[in-house]
């Protein structure tokens, strides 16, 4: 198919990267470097969006509270501790878990 050059107004093939008469770039053809630039720009943009969304969803205080409950539950189930120490740990764990539920609206 033939197209008209925007510079010299002569017809040339739409498969050509440039006008055969004046050398003007074919606006319908993108070079490999141009395609690479577009893909690279898209990848960087996607990476930035994912980082921003990840930072919006991640709460370091919530994560610390969740880890505290997990470590407390490990102590509660530690067979090397006495029964009284495990009961004390269970009470503390239940309290930590309830505070977590009240603050974040779900179980850790």
C-alpha atoms as a PDB file:
ATOM      1  CA  UNK A   1       0.000   0.000   0.000  1.00  0.00           C
ATOM      2  CA  UNK A   2       1.255   3.436  -0.810  1.00  0.00           C
ATOM      3  CA  UNK A   3       1.222   6.417   1.558  1.00  0.00           C
ATOM      4  CA  UNK A   4       1.860  10.104   0.966  1.00  0.00           C
ATOM      5  CA  UNK A   5       4.939  11.660   2.567  1.00  0.00           C
ATOM      6  CA  UNK A   6       4.118  14.483   4.947  1.00  0.00           C
ATOM      7  CA  UNK A   7       7.276  16.342   3.910  1.00  0.00           C
ATOM      8  CA  UNK A   8       7.571  16.088   0.114  1.00  0.00           C
ATOM      9  CA  UNK A   9       3.977  14.946  -0.621  1.00  0.00           C
ATOM     10  CA  UNK A  10       5.162  12.096  -2.856  1.00  0.00           C
ATOM     11  CA  UNK A  11       3.939   8.515  -2.557  1.00  0.00           C
ATOM     12  CA  UNK A  12       6.067   5.700  -1.132  1.00  0.00           C
ATOM     13  CA  UNK A  13       5.522   2.235   0.333  1.00  0.00           C
ATOM     14  CA  UNK A  14       4.048   2.016   3.815  1.00  0.00           C
ATOM     15  CA  UNK A  15       6.578  -0.766   4.513  1.00  0.00           C
ATOM     16  CA  UNK A  16       9.506   1.634   4.156  1.00  0.00           C
ATOM     17  CA  UNK A  17      10.976   3.200   7.318  1.00  0.00           C
ATOM     18  CA  UNK A  18      11.639   6.469   5.513  1.00  0.00           C
ATOM     19  CA  UNK A  19      10.419   8.240   2.398  1.00  0.00           C
ATOM     20  CA  UNK A  20      12.486   7.069  -0.593  1.00  0.00           C
ATOM     21  CA  UNK A  21      12.327  10.572  -2.067  1.00  0.00           C
ATOM     22  CA  UNK A  22      13.276  12.879   0.815  1.00  0.00           C
ATOM     23  CA  UNK A  23      14.232  10.580   3.730  1.00  0.00           C
ATOM     24  CA  UNK A  24      11.465  11.717   6.089  1.00  0.00           C
ATOM     25  CA  UNK A  25      10.581   9.150   8.735  1.00  0.00           C
ATOM     26  CA  UNK A  26       7.490   7.007   8.198  1.00  0.00           C
ATOM     27  CA  UNK A  27       5.184   7.888  11.114  1.00  0.00           C
ATOM     28  CA  UNK A  28       3.641   4.394  10.948  1.00  0.00           C
ATOM     29  CA  UNK A  29       6.975   2.596  11.442  1.00  0.00           C
ATOM     30  CA  UNK A  30       8.814   2.517  14.758  1.00  0.00           C
ATOM     31  CA  UNK A  31      12.477   1.636  14.896  1.00  0.00           C
ATOM     32  CA  UNK A  32      13.784  -1.178  17.106  1.00  0.00           C
ATOM     33  CA  UNK A  33      15.366   1.432  19.382  1.00  0.00           C
ATOM     34  CA  UNK A  34      12.036   3.247  19.578  1.00  0.00           C
ATOM     35  CA  UNK A  35      10.188   0.041  20.461  1.00  0.00           C
ATOM     36  CA  UNK A  36      12.856  -0.776  23.060  1.00  0.00           C
ATOM     37  CA  UNK A  37      12.406   2.701  24.553  1.00  0.00           C
ATOM     38  CA  UNK A  38       8.641   2.268  24.763  1.00  0.00           C
ATOM     39  CA  UNK A  39       8.978  -1.172  26.380  1.00  0.00           C
ATOM     40  CA  UNK A  40      11.606   0.125  28.804  1.00  0.00           C
ATOM     41  CA  UNK A  41       9.457   3.113  29.731  1.00  0.00           C
ATOM     42  CA  UNK A  42       6.464   0.825  30.302  1.00  0.00           C
ATOM     43  CA  UNK A  43       8.534  -1.555  32.480  1.00  0.00           C
ATOM     44  CA  UNK A  44       9.910   1.288  34.601  1.00  0.00           C
ATOM     45  CA  UNK A  45       6.423   2.756  34.990  1.00  0.00           C
ATOM     46  CA  UNK A  46       5.005  -0.604  36.023  1.00  0.00           C
ATOM     47  CA  UNK A  47       7.841  -1.082  38.531  1.00  0.00           C
ATOM     48  CA  UNK A  48       7.183   2.347  40.064  1.00  0.00           C
ATOM     49  CA  UNK A  49       3.446   1.656  40.315  1.00  0.00           C
ATOM     50  CA  UNK A  50       4.082  -1.691  42.015  1.00  0.00           C
ATOM     51  CA  UNK A  51       6.475  -0.077  44.509  1.00  0.00           C
ATOM     52  CA  UNK A  52       3.968   2.666  45.323  1.00  0.00           C
ATOM     53  CA  UNK A  53       1.107   0.180  45.767  1.00  0.00           C
ATOM     54  CA  UNK A  54       3.313  -2.098  47.853  1.00  0.00           C
ATOM     55  CA  UNK A  55       4.266   0.769  50.147  1.00  0.00           C
ATOM     56  CA  UNK A  56       0.621   1.759  50.515  1.00  0.00           C
ATOM     57  CA  UNK A  57      -0.341  -1.779  51.526  1.00  0.00           C
ATOM     58  CA  UNK A  58       2.616  -2.503  53.836  1.00  0.00           C
ATOM     59  CA  UNK A  59       2.369  -1.194  57.387  1.00  0.00           C
ATOM     60  CA  UNK A  60       5.557  -1.807  59.394  1.00  0.00           C
ATOM     61  CA  UNK A  61       3.749  -1.321  62.718  1.00  0.00           C
ATOM     62  CA  UNK A  62       1.152  -3.917  61.768  1.00  0.00           C
ATOM     63  CA  UNK A  63       3.898  -6.303  60.682  1.00  0.00           C
ATOM     64  CA  UNK A  64       5.722  -5.839  64.013  1.00  0.00           C
ATOM     65  CA  UNK A  65       2.516  -6.489  65.940  1.00  0.00           C
ATOM     66  CA  UNK A  66       1.899  -9.625  63.889  1.00  0.00           C
ATOM     67  CA  UNK A  67       5.430 -10.879  64.569  1.00  0.00           C
ATOM     68  CA  UNK A  68       4.997 -10.187  68.296  1.00  0.00           C
ATOM     69  CA  UNK A  69       1.897 -12.393  68.387  1.00  0.00           C
ATOM     70  CA  UNK A  70       3.691 -15.156  66.445  1.00  0.00           C
ATOM     71  CA  UNK A  71       6.718 -15.090  68.783  1.00  0.00           C
ATOM     72  CA  UNK A  72       4.427 -15.075  71.810  1.00  0.00           C
ATOM     73  CA  UNK A  73       2.620 -18.169  70.510  1.00  0.00           C
ATOM     74  CA  UNK A  74       5.977 -19.907  70.106  1.00  0.00           C
ATOM     75  CA  UNK A  75       6.777 -19.212  73.770  1.00  0.00           C
ATOM     76  CA  UNK A  76       3.314 -20.423  74.749  1.00  0.00           C
ATOM     77  CA  UNK A  77       4.035 -23.782  73.103  1.00  0.00           C
ATOM     78  CA  UNK A  78       7.639 -24.084  74.358  1.00  0.00           C
ATOM     79  CA  UNK A  79       7.829 -27.413  76.160  1.00  0.00           C
ATOM     80  CA  UNK A  80      10.913 -26.309  78.091  1.00  0.00           C
ATOM     81  CA  UNK A  81       8.888 -23.712  80.009  1.00  0.00           C
ATOM     82  CA  UNK A  82       6.986 -24.605  83.149  1.00  0.00           C
ATOM     83  CA  UNK A  83       3.205 -24.939  83.054  1.00  0.00           C
ATOM     84  CA  UNK A  84       2.841 -21.631  84.915  1.00  0.00           C
ATOM     85  CA  UNK A  85       5.128 -19.833  82.461  1.00  0.00           C
ATOM     86  CA  UNK A  86       3.159 -21.229  79.504  1.00  0.00           C
ATOM     87  CA  UNK A  87      -0.136 -20.137  81.114  1.00  0.00           C
ATOM     88  CA  UNK A  88       1.288 -16.651  81.613  1.00  0.00           C
ATOM     89  CA  UNK A  89       2.473 -16.614  77.984  1.00  0.00           C
ATOM     90  CA  UNK A  90      -0.983 -17.787  76.800  1.00  0.00           C
ATOM     91  CA  UNK A  91      -2.650 -14.907  78.651  1.00  0.00           C
ATOM     92  CA  UNK A  92      -0.169 -12.410  77.222  1.00  0.00           C
ATOM     93  CA  UNK A  93      -0.605 -13.860  73.717  1.00  0.00           C
ATOM     94  CA  UNK A  94      -4.394 -13.663  73.964  1.00  0.00           C
ATOM     95  CA  UNK A  95      -4.093 -10.033  75.062  1.00  0.00           C
ATOM     96  CA  UNK A  96      -1.685  -9.202  72.208  1.00  0.00           C
ATOM     97  CA  UNK A  97      -3.945 -10.926  69.697  1.00  0.00           C
ATOM     98  CA  UNK A  98      -7.036  -9.101  70.970  1.00  0.00           C
ATOM     99  CA  UNK A  99      -5.247  -5.742  70.727  1.00  0.00           C
ATOM    100  CA  UNK A 100      -4.211  -6.632  67.166  1.00  0.00           C
ATOM    101  CA  UNK A 101      -7.813  -7.539  66.239  1.00  0.00           C
ATOM    102  CA  UNK A 102      -9.127  -4.313  67.760  1.00  0.00           C
ATOM    103  CA  UNK A 103      -6.571  -2.176  65.926  1.00  0.00           C
ATOM    104  CA  UNK A 104      -6.494  -3.881  62.504  1.00  0.00           C
ATOM    105  CA  UNK A 105      -9.927  -5.533  62.357  1.00  0.00           C
ATOM    106  CA  UNK A 106      -8.681  -9.065  61.701  1.00  0.00           C
ATOM    107  CA  UNK A 107      -6.696 -11.840  63.284  1.00  0.00           C
ATOM    108  CA  UNK A 108      -2.909 -11.734  62.846  1.00  0.00           C
END
